Amino acid sequence: MALENIVGGVTLTGAEFFDSSGKPVDEIASGATLDVRVRYRADRPVAQPVFGFSLATEGGLLVYGSNTQIGGHSISSISGEGVVRFTLGPVVIAPGRYLFSFSVHSADHLINYHRLEHRFPFIIAGERTYEGAYIPVRWEGP
């Protein structure tokens, strides 16, 4: 079932990014970990919300996405202001500029409370040149 209409009730109010030492960052090296904090405000109690994110190239190509439901992290309910935290890593993708998106929806995927699409630019730095994710490859000759 597709998420179509944003109905409100929960507002994503921002996101912050931190390196493994807790320093705020807008860039990490390919292969590093990234801690993310997504702030929200729930105008009323909301049962079983699902918080998610995606990471895309500047051109909009989806690189990776996940959510609390996929990750097996159940949230019984939210009310008022709060923060959802998650850690990515190691983030082994090609160096470049990427865009984070965040969302919150109902557990049955029928209610889309709020989305922030491609609002948070982020840089992955590195020396290797390759496309997409880094997966070691061992070539053998003919």
C-alpha atoms as a PDB file:
ATOM      1  CA  MET A   1       0.000   0.000   0.000  1.00  0.00           C
ATOM      2  CA  ALA A   2       1.419   3.349  -1.005  1.00  0.00           C
ATOM      3  CA  LEU A   3       1.758   6.358   1.220  1.00  0.00           C
ATOM      4  CA  GLU A   4      -0.054   9.150  -0.566  1.00  0.00           C
ATOM      5  CA  ASN A   5      -1.570  11.865   1.586  1.00  0.00           C
ATOM      6  CA  ILE A   6       0.131  13.597   4.461  1.00  0.00           C
ATOM      7  CA  VAL A   7      -2.402  13.859   7.279  1.00  0.00           C
ATOM      8  CA  GLY A   8      -0.399  15.601   9.990  1.00  0.00           C
ATOM      9  CA  GLY A   9      -0.481  14.877  13.693  1.00  0.00           C
ATOM     10  CA  VAL A  10       3.276  14.330  13.758  1.00  0.00           C
ATOM     11  CA  THR A  11       5.783  16.848  12.424  1.00  0.00           C
ATOM     12  CA  LEU A  12       9.419  16.073  11.763  1.00  0.00           C
ATOM     13  CA  THR A  13      11.141  19.208  13.011  1.00  0.00           C
ATOM     14  CA  GLY A  14      14.740  18.529  12.026  1.00  0.00           C
ATOM     15  CA  ALA A  15      17.674  16.171  11.823  1.00  0.00           C
ATOM     16  CA  GLU A  16      21.228  16.286  13.104  1.00  0.00           C
ATOM     17  CA  PHE A  17      24.252  14.225  12.098  1.00  0.00           C
ATOM     18  CA  PHE A  18      27.200  13.233  14.305  1.00  0.00           C
ATOM     19  CA  ASP A  19      30.443  11.341  13.770  1.00  0.00           C
ATOM     20  CA  SER A  20      31.469   8.440  16.010  1.00  0.00           C
ATOM     21  CA  SER A  21      32.990  10.843  18.564  1.00  0.00           C
ATOM     22  CA  GLY A  22      29.730  12.821  18.871  1.00  0.00           C
ATOM     23  CA  LYS A  23      30.886  15.824  16.856  1.00  0.00           C
ATOM     24  CA  PRO A  24      28.199  17.438  14.609  1.00  0.00           C
ATOM     25  CA  VAL A  25      29.081  16.822  10.945  1.00  0.00           C
ATOM     26  CA  ASP A  26      27.781  17.290   7.418  1.00  0.00           C
ATOM     27  CA  GLU A  27      30.483  15.039   5.954  1.00  0.00           C
ATOM     28  CA  ILE A  28      32.054  11.683   6.810  1.00  0.00           C
ATOM     29  CA  ALA A  29      34.635   9.494   5.125  1.00  0.00           C
ATOM     30  CA  SER A  30      33.391   6.503   3.189  1.00  0.00           C
ATOM     31  CA  GLY A  31      33.570   3.581   5.623  1.00  0.00           C
ATOM     32  CA  ALA A  32      32.841   5.649   8.740  1.00  0.00           C
ATOM     33  CA  THR A  33      29.765   5.436  10.962  1.00  0.00           C
ATOM     34  CA  LEU A  34      27.152   8.155  11.209  1.00  0.00           C
ATOM     35  CA  ASP A  35      24.818   8.830  14.128  1.00  0.00           C
ATOM     36  CA  VAL A  36      21.524  10.485  13.169  1.00  0.00           C
ATOM     37  CA  ARG A  37      18.976  12.179  15.418  1.00  0.00           C
ATOM     38  CA  VAL A  38      15.566  13.013  13.992  1.00  0.00           C
ATOM     39  CA  ARG A  39      13.443  15.420  16.033  1.00  0.00           C
ATOM     40  CA  TYR A  40       9.645  15.272  15.987  1.00  0.00           C
ATOM     41  CA  ARG A  41       6.572  16.834  17.574  1.00  0.00           C
ATOM     42  CA  ALA A  42       3.360  14.838  18.004  1.00  0.00           C
ATOM     43  CA  ASP A  43       0.305  17.062  18.479  1.00  0.00           C
ATOM     44  CA  ARG A  44      -1.609  14.137  19.967  1.00  0.00           C
ATOM     45  CA  PRO A  45      -0.735  10.610  21.069  1.00  0.00           C
ATOM     46  CA  VAL A  46       0.129   8.463  18.033  1.00  0.00           C
ATOM     47  CA  ALA A  47       0.285   4.697  18.457  1.00  0.00           C
ATOM     48  CA  GLN A  48       2.905   2.570  16.708  1.00  0.00           C
ATOM     49  CA  PRO A  49       4.547   5.204  14.501  1.00  0.00           C
ATOM     50  CA  VAL A  50       7.167   4.074  12.013  1.00  0.00           C
ATOM     51  CA  PHE A  51      10.112   6.408  11.454  1.00  0.00           C
ATOM     52  CA  GLY A  52      12.139   5.980   8.292  1.00  0.00           C
ATOM     53  CA  PHE A  53      14.896   7.484   6.213  1.00  0.00           C
ATOM     54  CA  SER A  54      16.362   7.231   2.759  1.00  0.00           C
ATOM     55  CA  LEU A  55      19.613   8.325   1.216  1.00  0.00           C
ATOM     56  CA  ALA A  56      19.672   9.323  -2.447  1.00  0.00           C
ATOM     57  CA  THR A  57      22.100  10.800  -4.924  1.00  0.00           C
ATOM     58  CA  GLU A  58      21.668  14.439  -5.898  1.00  0.00           C
ATOM     59  CA  GLY A  59      19.926  13.159  -9.013  1.00  0.00           C
ATOM     60  CA  GLY A  60      17.317  11.374  -6.881  1.00  0.00           C
ATOM     61  CA  LEU A  61      18.567   7.786  -7.303  1.00  0.00           C
ATOM     62  CA  LEU A  62      17.787   5.829  -4.137  1.00  0.00           C
ATOM     63  CA  VAL A  63      20.946   4.449  -2.534  1.00  0.00           C
ATOM     64  CA  TYR A  64      19.523   3.021   0.685  1.00  0.00           C
ATOM     65  CA  GLY A  65      16.537   3.300   2.965  1.00  0.00           C
ATOM     66  CA  SER A  66      15.149   1.687   6.077  1.00  0.00           C
ATOM     67  CA  ASN A  67      12.717   2.300   8.901  1.00  0.00           C
ATOM     68  CA  THR A  68      12.022   1.298  12.484  1.00  0.00           C
ATOM     69  CA  GLN A  69       9.604  -1.416  11.357  1.00  0.00           C
ATOM     70  CA  ILE A  70      12.115  -3.048   8.994  1.00  0.00           C
ATOM     71  CA  GLY A  71      14.757  -2.773  11.725  1.00  0.00           C
ATOM     72  CA  GLY A  72      12.539  -4.489  14.290  1.00  0.00           C
ATOM     73  CA  HIS A  73      12.457  -1.425  16.559  1.00  0.00           C
ATOM     74  CA  SER A  74       8.869  -1.107  17.765  1.00  0.00           C
ATOM     75  CA  ILE A  75       7.696   2.237  19.158  1.00  0.00           C
ATOM     76  CA  SER A  76       4.513   1.795  21.201  1.00  0.00           C
ATOM     77  CA  SER A  77       3.439   5.449  21.025  1.00  0.00           C
ATOM     78  CA  ILE A  78       4.670   9.029  20.918  1.00  0.00           C
ATOM     79  CA  SER A  79       3.296  12.299  22.249  1.00  0.00           C
ATOM     80  CA  GLY A  80       4.807  15.764  22.475  1.00  0.00           C
ATOM     81  CA  GLU A  81       8.404  16.419  21.419  1.00  0.00           C
ATOM     82  CA  GLY A  82      11.021  13.732  21.082  1.00  0.00           C
ATOM     83  CA  VAL A  83      13.985  12.322  19.201  1.00  0.00           C
ATOM     84  CA  VAL A  84      14.511   9.097  17.283  1.00  0.00           C
ATOM     85  CA  ARG A  85      18.155   8.050  16.977  1.00  0.00           C
ATOM     86  CA  PHE A  86      19.913   5.576  14.720  1.00  0.00           C
ATOM     87  CA  THR A  87      23.439   4.717  13.673  1.00  0.00           C
ATOM     88  CA  LEU A  88      24.497   3.929  10.123  1.00  0.00           C
ATOM     89  CA  GLY A  89      27.701   2.195   9.391  1.00  0.00           C
ATOM     90  CA  PRO A  90      30.033   1.544   8.205  1.00  0.00           C
ATOM     91  CA  VAL A  91      28.701   3.722   5.370  1.00  0.00           C
ATOM     92  CA  VAL A  92      30.629   2.347   2.404  1.00  0.00           C
ATOM     93  CA  ILE A  93      29.330   4.203  -0.617  1.00  0.00           C
ATOM     94  CA  ALA A  94      31.013   6.162  -3.372  1.00  0.00           C
ATOM     95  CA  PRO A  95      32.319   9.600  -2.441  1.00  0.00           C
ATOM     96  CA  GLY A  96      29.897  12.364  -3.407  1.00  0.00           C
ATOM     97  CA  ARG A  97      27.019  14.548  -2.322  1.00  0.00           C
ATOM     98  CA  TYR A  98      23.865  12.779  -1.134  1.00  0.00           C
ATOM     99  CA  LEU A  99      20.443  13.812   0.169  1.00  0.00           C
ATOM    100  CA  PHE A 100      18.724  12.399   3.258  1.00  0.00           C
ATOM    101  CA  SER A 101      14.939  12.138   3.483  1.00  0.00           C
ATOM    102  CA  PHE A 102      12.952  11.323   6.625  1.00  0.00           C
ATOM    103  CA  SER A 103       9.391  10.145   7.177  1.00  0.00           C
ATOM    104  CA  VAL A 104       6.944   8.988   9.803  1.00  0.00           C
ATOM    105  CA  HIS A 105       3.899   6.855   8.992  1.00  0.00           C
ATOM    106  CA  SER A 106       1.508   4.369  10.553  1.00  0.00           C
ATOM    107  CA  ALA A 107       2.479   0.735  11.087  1.00  0.00           C
ATOM    108  CA  ASP A 108      -0.088  -0.380   8.488  1.00  0.00           C
ATOM    109  CA  HIS A 109       1.358   2.088   5.936  1.00  0.00           C
ATOM    110  CA  LEU A 110      -2.038   3.721   5.417  1.00  0.00           C
ATOM    111  CA  ILE A 111      -1.302   7.028   7.149  1.00  0.00           C
ATOM    112  CA  ASN A 112       1.589   9.253   6.136  1.00  0.00           C
ATOM    113  CA  TYR A 113       2.054  11.720   8.988  1.00  0.00           C
ATOM    114  CA  HIS A 114       4.967  13.748   7.618  1.00  0.00           C
ATOM    115  CA  ARG A 115       7.819  13.556   5.112  1.00  0.00           C
ATOM    116  CA  LEU A 116      10.916  15.636   4.540  1.00  0.00           C
ATOM    117  CA  GLU A 117      12.087  14.706   1.050  1.00  0.00           C
ATOM    118  CA  HIS A 118      15.692  15.327  -0.012  1.00  0.00           C
ATOM    119  CA  ARG A 119      16.047  18.122   2.559  1.00  0.00           C
ATOM    120  CA  PHE A 120      19.342  17.251   4.206  1.00  0.00           C
ATOM    121  CA  PRO A 121      22.463  17.343   2.010  1.00  0.00           C
ATOM    122  CA  PHE A 122      25.369  15.213   3.174  1.00  0.00           C
ATOM    123  CA  ILE A 123      28.847  14.526   1.784  1.00  0.00           C
ATOM    124  CA  ILE A 124      30.666  11.202   1.715  1.00  0.00           C
ATOM    125  CA  ALA A 125      34.384  11.818   1.269  1.00  0.00           C
ATOM    126  CA  GLY A 126      36.985   9.373   0.025  1.00  0.00           C
ATOM    127  CA  GLU A 127      39.777   8.597  -2.378  1.00  0.00           C
ATOM    128  CA  ARG A 128      38.387   5.480  -4.074  1.00  0.00           C
ATOM    129  CA  THR A 129      36.598   5.840  -7.366  1.00  0.00           C
ATOM    130  CA  TYR A 130      33.682   3.506  -7.974  1.00  0.00           C
ATOM    131  CA  GLU A 131      29.949   3.682  -8.512  1.00  0.00           C
ATOM    132  CA  GLY A 132      27.332   3.048  -5.803  1.00  0.00           C
ATOM    133  CA  ALA A 133      28.266   0.946  -2.778  1.00  0.00           C
ATOM    134  CA  TYR A 134      31.703  -0.486  -2.182  1.00  0.00           C
ATOM    135  CA  ILE A 135      31.783  -4.261  -2.388  1.00  0.00           C
ATOM    136  CA  PRO A 136      35.261  -5.772  -2.611  1.00  0.00           C
ATOM    137  CA  VAL A 137      35.805  -7.614  -5.895  1.00  0.00           C
ATOM    138  CA  ARG A 138      38.603 -10.047  -6.675  1.00  0.00           C
ATOM    139  CA  TRP A 139      39.270 -10.462 -10.372  1.00  0.00           C
ATOM    140  CA  GLU A 140      40.941 -13.548 -11.840  1.00  0.00           C
ATOM    141  CA  GLY A 141      42.558 -13.769 -15.217  1.00  0.00           C
ATOM    142  CA  PRO A 142      41.642 -15.834 -18.227  1.00  0.00           C
END
